[in-house]
PDB file of N, CA and C in Angstrom:
ATOM      1  N   MET A   1     110.971 119.462 123.776  1.00  0.00           N
ATOM      2  CA  MET A   1     111.248 118.262 123.046  1.00  0.00           C
ATOM      3  C   MET A   1     110.512 118.710 121.637  1.00  0.00           C
ATOM      4  N   ALA A   2     111.143 118.309 120.470  1.00  0.00           N
ATOM      5  CA  ALA A   2     110.615 118.759 119.103  1.00  0.00           C
ATOM      6  C   ALA A   2     109.682 117.835 118.675  1.00  0.00           C
ATOM      7  N   THR A   3     108.610 118.404 117.795  1.00  0.00           N
ATOM      8  CA  THR A   3     107.548 117.740 117.471  1.00  0.00           C
ATOM      9  C   THR A   3     107.700 117.434 115.890  1.00  0.00           C
ATOM     10  N   LYS A   4     107.018 116.288 115.646  1.00  0.00           N
ATOM     11  CA  LYS A   4     107.020 115.850 114.253  1.00  0.00           C
ATOM     12  C   LYS A   4     106.440 116.912 113.378  1.00  0.00           C
ATOM     13  N   VAL A   5     107.119 117.314 112.139  1.00  0.00           N
ATOM     14  CA  VAL A   5     106.641 118.389 111.356  1.00  0.00           C
ATOM     15  C   VAL A   5     105.710 117.618 110.291  1.00  0.00           C
ATOM     16  N   ARG A   6     104.581 118.440 110.315  1.00  0.00           N
ATOM     17  CA  ARG A   6     103.847 117.902 109.162  1.00  0.00           C
ATOM     18  C   ARG A   6     104.136 118.100 107.857  1.00  0.00           C
ATOM     19  N   VAL A   7     105.135 118.751 107.464  1.00  0.00           N
ATOM     20  CA  VAL A   7     105.826 118.959 106.164  1.00  0.00           C
ATOM     21  C   VAL A   7     106.977 118.204 105.816  1.00  0.00           C
ATOM     22  N   GLY A   8     107.456 117.434 106.751  1.00  0.00           N
ATOM     23  CA  GLY A   8     108.639 116.574 106.588  1.00  0.00           C
ATOM     24  C   GLY A   8     110.063 117.052 106.811  1.00  0.00           C
ATOM     25  N   ILE A   9     109.966 118.198 107.350  1.00  0.00           N
ATOM     26  CA  ILE A   9     111.239 118.944 107.644  1.00  0.00           C
ATOM     27  C   ILE A   9     111.224 119.190 109.281  1.00  0.00           C
ATOM     28  N   LYS A  10     112.399 118.587 109.766  1.00  0.00           N
ATOM     29  CA  LYS A  10     112.691 118.726 111.218  1.00  0.00           C
ATOM     30  C   LYS A  10     113.761 119.418 111.420  1.00  0.00           C
ATOM     31  N   PRO A  11     113.756 120.576 112.060  1.00  0.00           N
ATOM     32  CA  PRO A  11     115.097 121.608 112.305  1.00  0.00           C
ATOM     33  C   PRO A  11     115.960 120.786 113.263  1.00  0.00           C
ATOM     34  N   LEU A  12     117.238 120.837 113.158  1.00  0.00           N
ATOM     35  CA  LEU A  12     118.047 120.335 114.140  1.00  0.00           C
ATOM     36  C   LEU A  12     118.649 121.260 115.227  1.00  0.00           C
ATOM     37  N   HIS A  13     119.077 120.858 116.363  1.00  0.00           N
ATOM     38  CA  HIS A  13     119.673 121.718 117.394  1.00  0.00           C
ATOM     39  C   HIS A  13     118.844 122.913 117.729  1.00  0.00           C
ATOM     40  N   ASP A  14     119.343 124.184 117.670  1.00  0.00           N
ATOM     41  CA  ASP A  14     118.663 125.273 117.862  1.00  0.00           C
ATOM     42  C   ASP A  14     117.875 125.968 116.851  1.00  0.00           C
ATOM     43  N   LYS A  15     117.671 125.310 115.779  1.00  0.00           N
ATOM     44  CA  LYS A  15     117.159 125.885 114.557  1.00  0.00           C
ATOM     45  C   LYS A  15     115.499 125.716 114.617  1.00  0.00           C
ATOM     46  N   ILE A  16     114.794 126.747 113.982  1.00  0.00           N
ATOM     47  CA  ILE A  16     113.438 126.959 113.951  1.00  0.00           C
ATOM     48  C   ILE A  16     112.952 126.950 112.448  1.00  0.00           C
ATOM     49  N   LEU A  17     111.861 126.287 112.107  1.00  0.00           N
ATOM     50  CA  LEU A  17     111.210 126.311 110.864  1.00  0.00           C
ATOM     51  C   LEU A  17     110.031 127.230 111.070  1.00  0.00           C
ATOM     52  N   VAL A  18     110.083 128.316 110.108  1.00  0.00           N
ATOM     53  CA  VAL A  18     109.017 129.445 110.067  1.00  0.00           C
ATOM     54  C   VAL A  18     108.325 129.567 108.823  1.00  0.00           C
ATOM     55  N   GLU A  19     107.107 129.613 108.900  1.00  0.00           N
ATOM     56  CA  GLU A  19     106.264 129.895 107.565  1.00  0.00           C
ATOM     57  C   GLU A  19     106.050 131.534 107.551  1.00  0.00           C
ATOM     58  N   ARG A  20     106.597 132.124 106.594  1.00  0.00           N
ATOM     59  CA  ARG A  20     106.628 133.711 106.662  1.00  0.00           C
ATOM     60  C   ARG A  20     105.163 134.074 106.269  1.00  0.00           C
ATOM     61  N   ASP A  21     104.764 135.120 106.811  1.00  0.00           N
ATOM     62  CA  ASP A  21     103.423 135.745 106.425  1.00  0.00           C
ATOM     63  C   ASP A  21     103.495 136.208 105.002  1.00  0.00           C
ATOM     64  N   GLU A  22     102.262 136.259 104.554  1.00  0.00           N
ATOM     65  CA  GLU A  22     102.036 136.699 103.135  1.00  0.00           C
ATOM     66  C   GLU A  22     102.371 138.318 103.119  1.00  0.00           C
ATOM     67  N   PRO A  23     102.878 138.945 102.135  1.00  0.00           N
ATOM     68  CA  PRO A  23     103.044 140.337 102.004  1.00  0.00           C
ATOM     69  C   PRO A  23     101.643 140.839 101.798  1.00  0.00           C
ATOM     70  N   GLU A  24     101.418 142.183 102.150  1.00  0.00           N
ATOM     71  CA  GLU A  24     100.290 142.954 101.967  1.00  0.00           C
ATOM     72  C   GLU A  24      99.955 143.073 100.508  1.00  0.00           C
ATOM     73  N   GLN A  25      98.874 143.076  99.959  1.00  0.00           N
ATOM     74  CA  GLN A  25      98.447 143.210  98.639  1.00  0.00           C
ATOM     75  C   GLN A  25      98.158 144.666  98.443  1.00  0.00           C
ATOM     76  N   THR A  26      97.578 145.271  99.296  1.00  0.00           N
ATOM     77  CA  THR A  26      97.163 146.667  99.299  1.00  0.00           C
ATOM     78  C   THR A  26      97.506 147.584 100.296  1.00  0.00           C
ATOM     79  N   THR A  27      97.530 148.786 100.149  1.00  0.00           N
ATOM     80  CA  THR A  27      97.799 149.750 101.303  1.00  0.00           C
ATOM     81  C   THR A  27      96.708 150.020 102.064  1.00  0.00           C
ATOM     82  N   ALA A  28      96.811 150.883 103.194  1.00  0.00           N
ATOM     83  CA  ALA A  28      95.679 151.021 104.018  1.00  0.00           C
ATOM     84  C   ALA A  28      94.600 151.891 103.214  1.00  0.00           C
ATOM     85  N   ALA A  29      95.018 152.747 102.327  1.00  0.00           N
ATOM     86  CA  ALA A  29      94.321 153.650 101.602  1.00  0.00           C
ATOM     87  C   ALA A  29      93.873 152.799 100.151  1.00  0.00           C
ATOM     88  N   GLY A  30      94.077 151.384  99.994  1.00  0.00           N
ATOM     89  CA  GLY A  30      93.402 150.620  99.101  1.00  0.00           C
ATOM     90  C   GLY A  30      94.117 150.522  97.630  1.00  0.00           C
ATOM     91  N   ILE A  31      95.575 151.133  97.903  1.00  0.00           N
ATOM     92  CA  ILE A  31      96.191 151.191  96.692  1.00  0.00           C
ATOM     93  C   ILE A  31      96.900 149.745  96.423  1.00  0.00           C
ATOM     94  N   ILE A  32      96.674 149.064  95.173  1.00  0.00           N
ATOM     95  CA  ILE A  32      97.372 147.813  94.953  1.00  0.00           C
ATOM     96  C   ILE A  32      98.796 147.902  94.800  1.00  0.00           C
ATOM     97  N   ILE A  33      99.646 147.116  95.665  1.00  0.00           N
ATOM     98  CA  ILE A  33     100.972 146.934  95.620  1.00  0.00           C
ATOM     99  C   ILE A  33     101.437 146.044  94.465  1.00  0.00           C
ATOM    100  N   PRO A  34     102.393 146.525  93.545  1.00  0.00           N
ATOM    101  CA  PRO A  34     102.781 145.621  92.511  1.00  0.00           C
ATOM    102  C   PRO A  34     103.730 144.583  93.294  1.00  0.00           C
ATOM    103  N   GLU A  35     104.046 143.463  92.492  1.00  0.00           N
ATOM    104  CA  GLU A  35     104.877 142.333  93.140  1.00  0.00           C
ATOM    105  C   GLU A  35     106.177 142.942  93.451  1.00  0.00           C
ATOM    106  N   SER A  36     106.803 143.784  92.587  1.00  0.00           N
ATOM    107  CA  SER A  36     108.069 144.089  92.547  1.00  0.00           C
ATOM    108  C   SER A  36     108.389 145.315  93.724  1.00  0.00           C
ATOM    109  N   GLY A  37     107.274 145.832  94.298  1.00  0.00           N
ATOM    110  CA  GLY A  37     107.106 146.731  95.452  1.00  0.00           C
ATOM    111  C   GLY A  37     106.857 146.305  96.664  1.00  0.00           C
ATOM    112  N   LYS A  38     106.598 145.041  96.727  1.00  0.00           N
ATOM    113  CA  LYS A  38     106.221 144.397  98.062  1.00  0.00           C
ATOM    114  C   LYS A  38     107.503 144.149  98.840  1.00  0.00           C
ATOM    115  N   GLU A  39     107.433 144.544 100.174  1.00  0.00           N
ATOM    116  CA  GLU A  39     108.465 144.294 101.099  1.00  0.00           C
ATOM    117  C   GLU A  39     108.270 142.777 101.733  1.00  0.00           C
ATOM    118  N   ARG A  40     109.206 142.020 101.748  1.00  0.00           N
ATOM    119  CA  ARG A  40     108.963 140.665 102.336  1.00  0.00           C
ATOM    120  C   ARG A  40     108.760 140.952 103.874  1.00  0.00           C
ATOM    121  N   PRO A  41     107.710 140.284 104.547  1.00  0.00           N
ATOM    122  CA  PRO A  41     107.259 140.377 105.720  1.00  0.00           C
ATOM    123  C   PRO A  41     108.355 139.742 106.883  1.00  0.00           C
ATOM    124  N   LYS A  42     108.600 140.505 108.120  1.00  0.00           N
ATOM    125  CA  LYS A  42     109.587 139.923 108.823  1.00  0.00           C
ATOM    126  C   LYS A  42     108.811 139.399 110.051  1.00  0.00           C
ATOM    127  N   THR A  43     107.802 138.739 109.936  1.00  0.00           N
ATOM    128  CA  THR A  43     106.803 138.056 110.797  1.00  0.00           C
ATOM    129  C   THR A  43     106.478 136.642 110.109  1.00  0.00           C
ATOM    130  N   GLY A  44     106.243 135.588 111.061  1.00  0.00           N
ATOM    131  CA  GLY A  44     105.714 134.321 110.540  1.00  0.00           C
ATOM    132  C   GLY A  44     105.207 133.535 111.806  1.00  0.00           C
ATOM    133  N   THR A  45     104.919 132.280 111.312  1.00  0.00           N
ATOM    134  CA  THR A  45     104.405 131.328 112.366  1.00  0.00           C
ATOM    135  C   THR A  45     105.380 130.263 112.469  1.00  0.00           C
ATOM    136  N   VAL A  46     105.798 129.881 113.892  1.00  0.00           N
ATOM    137  CA  VAL A  46     106.741 128.699 114.046  1.00  0.00           C
ATOM    138  C   VAL A  46     106.134 127.546 113.756  1.00  0.00           C
ATOM    139  N   VAL A  47     106.666 126.612 112.601  1.00  0.00           N
ATOM    140  CA  VAL A  47     105.920 125.390 112.263  1.00  0.00           C
ATOM    141  C   VAL A  47     106.701 124.170 112.985  1.00  0.00           C
ATOM    142  N   ALA A  48     107.899 124.180 113.274  1.00  0.00           N
ATOM    143  CA  ALA A  48     108.575 123.362 113.979  1.00  0.00           C
ATOM    144  C   ALA A  48     109.919 123.855 114.757  1.00  0.00           C
ATOM    145  N   VAL A  49     110.304 123.228 115.828  1.00  0.00           N
ATOM    146  CA  VAL A  49     111.473 123.687 116.411  1.00  0.00           C
ATOM    147  C   VAL A  49     112.418 122.491 116.728  1.00  0.00           C
ATOM    148  N   GLY A  50     113.888 122.642 116.778  1.00  0.00           N
ATOM    149  CA  GLY A  50     114.730 121.598 116.992  1.00  0.00           C
ATOM    150  C   GLY A  50     114.612 121.141 118.468  1.00  0.00           C
ATOM    151  N   ASP A  51     115.717 120.310 118.915  1.00  0.00           N
ATOM    152  CA  ASP A  51     115.763 119.721 120.155  1.00  0.00           C
ATOM    153  C   ASP A  51     116.459 120.717 121.139  1.00  0.00           C
ATOM    154  N   GLY A  52     117.048 121.589 120.600  1.00  0.00           N
ATOM    155  CA  GLY A  52     117.663 122.645 121.643  1.00  0.00           C
ATOM    156  C   GLY A  52     119.127 122.474 121.388  1.00  0.00           C
ATOM    157  N   ALA A  53     120.020 123.522 121.662  1.00  0.00           N
ATOM    158  CA  ALA A  53     121.267 123.708 121.654  1.00  0.00           C
ATOM    159  C   ALA A  53     122.024 122.778 122.516  1.00  0.00           C
ATOM    160  N   LEU A  54     123.117 122.224 122.207  1.00  0.00           N
ATOM    161  CA  LEU A  54     123.871 121.056 123.214  1.00  0.00           C
ATOM    162  C   LEU A  54     124.809 122.063 124.092  1.00  0.00           C
ATOM    163  N   ASN A  55     124.729 121.786 125.438  1.00  0.00           N
ATOM    164  CA  ASN A  55     125.670 122.387 126.308  1.00  0.00           C
ATOM    165  C   ASN A  55     126.796 121.413 126.094  1.00  0.00           C
ATOM    166  N   THR A  56     128.049 122.077 125.887  1.00  0.00           N
ATOM    167  CA  THR A  56     129.230 121.276 125.638  1.00  0.00           C
ATOM    168  C   THR A  56     129.799 120.738 127.015  1.00  0.00           C
ATOM    169  N   GLU A  57     129.537 121.588 127.975  1.00  0.00           N
ATOM    170  CA  GLU A  57     130.275 121.192 129.409  1.00  0.00           C
ATOM    171  C   GLU A  57     129.435 120.089 130.008  1.00  0.00           C
ATOM    172  N   THR A  58     128.244 119.979 129.782  1.00  0.00           N
ATOM    173  CA  THR A  58     127.403 118.802 130.409  1.00  0.00           C
ATOM    174  C   THR A  58     126.787 117.774 129.419  1.00  0.00           C
ATOM    175  N   GLY A  59     126.764 118.254 128.280  1.00  0.00           N
ATOM    176  CA  GLY A  59     126.325 117.336 127.279  1.00  0.00           C
ATOM    177  C   GLY A  59     124.716 117.324 127.222  1.00  0.00           C
ATOM    178  N   GLU A  60     124.130 118.149 128.059  1.00  0.00           N
ATOM    179  CA  GLU A  60     122.745 118.110 127.966  1.00  0.00           C
ATOM    180  C   GLU A  60     122.200 119.163 126.853  1.00  0.00           C
ATOM    181  N   ARG A  61     120.891 118.966 126.425  1.00  0.00           N
ATOM    182  CA  ARG A  61     120.094 119.725 125.695  1.00  0.00           C
ATOM    183  C   ARG A  61     119.574 121.088 126.269  1.00  0.00           C
ATOM    184  N   ILE A  62     119.941 122.183 125.785  1.00  0.00           N
ATOM    185  CA  ILE A  62     119.295 123.531 126.280  1.00  0.00           C
ATOM    186  C   ILE A  62     118.133 123.633 125.598  1.00  0.00           C
ATOM    187  N   PRO A  63     116.854 123.677 126.176  1.00  0.00           N
ATOM    188  CA  PRO A  63     115.584 123.685 125.327  1.00  0.00           C
ATOM    189  C   PRO A  63     115.183 125.178 124.810  1.00  0.00           C
ATOM    190  N   LEU A  64     114.582 125.309 123.607  1.00  0.00           N
ATOM    191  CA  LEU A  64     114.336 126.511 123.129  1.00  0.00           C
ATOM    192  C   LEU A  64     113.107 127.156 123.884  1.00  0.00           C
ATOM    193  N   THR A  65     113.167 128.572 124.047  1.00  0.00           N
ATOM    194  CA  THR A  65     111.947 129.279 124.395  1.00  0.00           C
ATOM    195  C   THR A  65     110.952 129.561 123.584  1.00  0.00           C
ATOM    196  N   ILE A  66     111.155 129.205 122.158  1.00  0.00           N
ATOM    197  CA  ILE A  66     110.322 129.528 121.163  1.00  0.00           C
ATOM    198  C   ILE A  66     109.572 128.159 121.095  1.00  0.00           C
ATOM    199  N   LYS A  67     108.136 128.141 120.766  1.00  0.00           N
ATOM    200  CA  LYS A  67     107.383 127.023 120.704  1.00  0.00           C
ATOM    201  C   LYS A  67     106.731 126.964 119.370  1.00  0.00           C
ATOM    202  N   GLU A  68     106.378 125.696 118.754  1.00  0.00           N
ATOM    203  CA  GLU A  68     105.663 125.405 117.805  1.00  0.00           C
ATOM    204  C   GLU A  68     104.168 126.207 117.859  1.00  0.00           C
ATOM    205  N   GLY A  69     103.784 126.882 116.869  1.00  0.00           N
ATOM    206  CA  GLY A  69     102.634 127.658 116.527  1.00  0.00           C
ATOM    207  C   GLY A  69     102.641 129.083 117.052  1.00  0.00           C
ATOM    208  N   GLN A  70     103.864 129.457 117.729  1.00  0.00           N
ATOM    209  CA  GLN A  70     103.972 130.881 118.199  1.00  0.00           C
ATOM    210  C   GLN A  70     103.957 131.701 116.836  1.00  0.00           C
ATOM    211  N   ARG A  71     103.688 132.953 116.943  1.00  0.00           N
ATOM    212  CA  ARG A  71     103.902 134.084 115.831  1.00  0.00           C
ATOM    213  C   ARG A  71     105.125 134.847 116.375  1.00  0.00           C
ATOM    214  N   VAL A  72     106.111 135.053 115.446  1.00  0.00           N
ATOM    215  CA  VAL A  72     107.240 135.630 115.645  1.00  0.00           C
ATOM    216  C   VAL A  72     107.724 136.746 114.838  1.00  0.00           C
ATOM    217  N   ILE A  73     108.525 137.716 115.285  1.00  0.00           N
ATOM    218  CA  ILE A  73     109.114 138.656 114.563  1.00  0.00           C
ATOM    219  C   ILE A  73     110.684 138.375 114.401  1.00  0.00           C
ATOM    220  N   PHE A  74     111.088 138.457 113.342  1.00  0.00           N
ATOM    221  CA  PHE A  74     112.720 137.962 113.020  1.00  0.00           C
ATOM    222  C   PHE A  74     113.300 139.231 112.359  1.00  0.00           C
ATOM    223  N   THR A  75     114.613 138.952 112.419  1.00  0.00           N
ATOM    224  CA  THR A  75     115.660 139.976 111.670  1.00  0.00           C
ATOM    225  C   THR A  75     115.550 139.862 110.256  1.00  0.00           C
ATOM    226  N   SER A  76     115.631 141.102 109.616  1.00  0.00           N
ATOM    227  CA  SER A  76     115.673 141.172 108.005  1.00  0.00           C
ATOM    228  C   SER A  76     116.230 140.264 107.291  1.00  0.00           C
ATOM    229  N   TYR A  77     117.450 139.870 107.568  1.00  0.00           N
ATOM    230  CA  TYR A  77     118.315 138.754 106.985  1.00  0.00           C
ATOM    231  C   TYR A  77     118.221 137.331 107.453  1.00  0.00           C
ATOM    232  N   ALA A  78     117.240 137.150 108.296  1.00  0.00           N
ATOM    233  CA  ALA A  78     117.217 135.737 109.157  1.00  0.00           C
ATOM    234  C   ALA A  78     117.076 134.671 108.189  1.00  0.00           C
ATOM    235  N   GLY A  79     117.676 133.638 108.499  1.00  0.00           N
ATOM    236  CA  GLY A  79     117.539 132.204 107.991  1.00  0.00           C
ATOM    237  C   GLY A  79     117.773 132.102 106.552  1.00  0.00           C
ATOM    238  N   THR A  80     117.549 130.712 106.214  1.00  0.00           N
ATOM    239  CA  THR A  80     117.631 130.129 104.976  1.00  0.00           C
ATOM    240  C   THR A  80     116.358 129.865 104.373  1.00  0.00           C
ATOM    241  N   GLU A  81     116.147 130.331 103.375  1.00  0.00           N
ATOM    242  CA  GLU A  81     114.810 129.979 102.728  1.00  0.00           C
ATOM    243  C   GLU A  81     114.900 128.581 101.907  1.00  0.00           C
ATOM    244  N   VAL A  82     113.821 127.805 102.225  1.00  0.00           N
ATOM    245  CA  VAL A  82     113.709 126.412 101.614  1.00  0.00           C
ATOM    246  C   VAL A  82     112.310 126.330 101.183  1.00  0.00           C
ATOM    247  N   LYS A  83     112.194 125.561  99.964  1.00  0.00           N
ATOM    248  CA  LYS A  83     111.038 125.129  99.307  1.00  0.00           C
ATOM    249  C   LYS A  83     110.801 123.676  99.595  1.00  0.00           C
ATOM    250  N   PHE A  84     109.625 123.366 100.104  1.00  0.00           N
ATOM    251  CA  PHE A  84     109.259 122.046 100.160  1.00  0.00           C
ATOM    252  C   PHE A  84     107.950 121.806  99.495  1.00  0.00           C
ATOM    253  N   GLY A  85     107.763 121.132  98.292  1.00  0.00           N
ATOM    254  CA  GLY A  85     106.509 121.028  97.655  1.00  0.00           C
ATOM    255  C   GLY A  85     106.223 122.472  97.120  1.00  0.00           C
ATOM    256  N   ASP A  86     105.015 122.899  97.502  1.00  0.00           N
ATOM    257  CA  ASP A  86     104.638 124.222  96.950  1.00  0.00           C
ATOM    258  C   ASP A  86     104.676 125.353  98.001  1.00  0.00           C
ATOM    259  N   ASP A  87     105.240 124.923  99.079  1.00  0.00           N
ATOM    260  CA  ASP A  87     105.314 125.816 100.347  1.00  0.00           C
ATOM    261  C   ASP A  87     106.714 126.392 100.531  1.00  0.00           C
ATOM    262  N   GLU A  88     106.935 127.371 101.043  1.00  0.00           N
ATOM    263  CA  GLU A  88     108.270 128.205 101.304  1.00  0.00           C
ATOM    264  C   GLU A  88     108.356 128.234 102.801  1.00  0.00           C
ATOM    265  N   TYR A  89     109.479 128.141 103.221  1.00  0.00           N
ATOM    266  CA  TYR A  89     109.740 128.291 104.622  1.00  0.00           C
ATOM    267  C   TYR A  89     111.152 128.809 104.944  1.00  0.00           C
ATOM    268  N   LEU A  90     111.418 129.287 106.236  1.00  0.00           N
ATOM    269  CA  LEU A  90     112.717 129.897 106.663  1.00  0.00           C
ATOM    270  C   LEU A  90     113.208 128.948 107.823  1.00  0.00           C
ATOM    271  N   ILE A  91     114.458 128.457 107.626  1.00  0.00           N
ATOM    272  CA  ILE A  91     115.172 127.731 108.859  1.00  0.00           C
ATOM    273  C   ILE A  91     115.965 128.857 109.311  1.00  0.00           C
ATOM    274  N   MET A  92     115.843 128.918 110.596  1.00  0.00           N
ATOM    275  CA  MET A  92     116.650 130.058 111.418  1.00  0.00           C
ATOM    276  C   MET A  92     117.134 129.762 112.697  1.00  0.00           C
ATOM    277  N   SER A  93     118.084 130.437 113.293  1.00  0.00           N
ATOM    278  CA  SER A  93     118.415 130.084 114.697  1.00  0.00           C
ATOM    279  C   SER A  93     117.423 130.756 115.432  1.00  0.00           C
ATOM    280  N   GLU A  94     117.484 130.277 116.690  1.00  0.00           N
ATOM    281  CA  GLU A  94     116.583 131.046 117.696  1.00  0.00           C
ATOM    282  C   GLU A  94     117.039 132.474 118.150  1.00  0.00           C
ATOM    283  N   ASP A  95     118.488 132.546 117.884  1.00  0.00           N
ATOM    284  CA  ASP A  95     118.909 134.000 117.979  1.00  0.00           C
ATOM    285  C   ASP A  95     118.233 134.999 116.914  1.00  0.00           C
ATOM    286  N   ASP A  96     117.973 134.676 115.761  1.00  0.00           N
ATOM    287  CA  ASP A  96     117.456 135.431 114.826  1.00  0.00           C
ATOM    288  C   ASP A  96     115.976 136.021 115.279  1.00  0.00           C
ATOM    289  N   ILE A  97     115.219 135.334 116.050  1.00  0.00           N
ATOM    290  CA  ILE A  97     114.089 135.721 116.504  1.00  0.00           C
ATOM    291  C   ILE A  97     114.075 137.005 117.536  1.00  0.00           C
ATOM    292  N   LEU A  98     113.351 138.121 117.088  1.00  0.00           N
ATOM    293  CA  LEU A  98     113.610 139.314 117.991  1.00  0.00           C
ATOM    294  C   LEU A  98     112.329 139.411 119.134  1.00  0.00           C
ATOM    295  N   ALA A  99     111.243 138.878 118.674  1.00  0.00           N
ATOM    296  CA  ALA A  99     110.076 138.795 119.641  1.00  0.00           C
ATOM    297  C   ALA A  99     108.972 137.897 119.404  1.00  0.00           C
ATOM    298  N   THR A 100     108.130 137.658 120.156  1.00  0.00           N
ATOM    299  CA  THR A 100     106.922 136.770 119.884  1.00  0.00           C
ATOM    300  C   THR A 100     105.669 137.779 119.847  1.00  0.00           C
ATOM    301  N   VAL A 101     104.721 137.440 119.205  1.00  0.00           N
ATOM    302  CA  VAL A 101     103.433 138.224 118.885  1.00  0.00           C
ATOM    303  C   VAL A 101     102.431 137.477 119.639  1.00  0.00           C
ATOM    304  N   ASP A 102     101.563 138.020 120.363  1.00  0.00           N
ATOM    305  CA  ASP A 102     100.234 137.571 121.179  1.00  0.00           C
ATOM    306  C   ASP A 102      99.195 137.607 120.363  1.00  0.00           C
TER     307      ASP A 102
END
């Protein structure tokens, strides 16, 4: 079952709302990375999940395996970027999630 999102965005069906991790500011050797050279992280924290996909044969919802609060790794071009207030999020399908991070 989906939970109420603190940011006012509630994903639908099998969609997941993810807050992307911040890009690294420096390398391991201490070199500062300029804004243009930073790669967007492919990791983040799940902020909210939808109710699940609809099984067209039975009419029941198929619950998502991803839960709110989990850290995840997702594909490079996953999701749609949305800005809500000063915060940026990604809305993506559960299929875009590659793994969870413990």
